[in-house]
Amino acid sequence: MPALNFMKRFAPWVESGVKWTTIRAPRKDGREICRAGDTLSLYTGMRRRGCRKLGEAACKSVESIRIERSGVTRIGHRRLTRHEKYWLAIGDGFKDFDEILAWFRDVHGLPFRGYLIRWGELR
């Protein structure tokens, strides 16, 4: 059962169901993060005192994502519209696409290549 860790800032959004996606960099060992159909265990504070399980959910999909410096964003080979980028940001716990773009620029650097993971209702 794959486990995903979330920063403390995102934990309330995961628990409440406001955040239903996550964007992750590829694993350093090259293995898959997870697959559609897997049961995901969602945590905050993993490997630390105070680690807390936020819930479990079925993984709905795992797709490649690329975010360019210019803001051009592709899921698979499909370029997202401005409206789709807004909903991508909302689903990932950000207020708008400008905020998510700045976060990825500061934390991961751009361009960013990784995976968009979507899950269903928490249990």
Foldseek 3Di string as FASTA:
>chain_A
DAEDEDEPVCLVCVLVVQAFKAWDAADPVRDDRDAQQDKYFYWYPPPHPPIDTSFIWGWHGKFKWWAALVRFIDTHNDTDDLVRLQVVQRNHPHNGNVVVSVVCCVPPNPGGITMMIGTDDGD
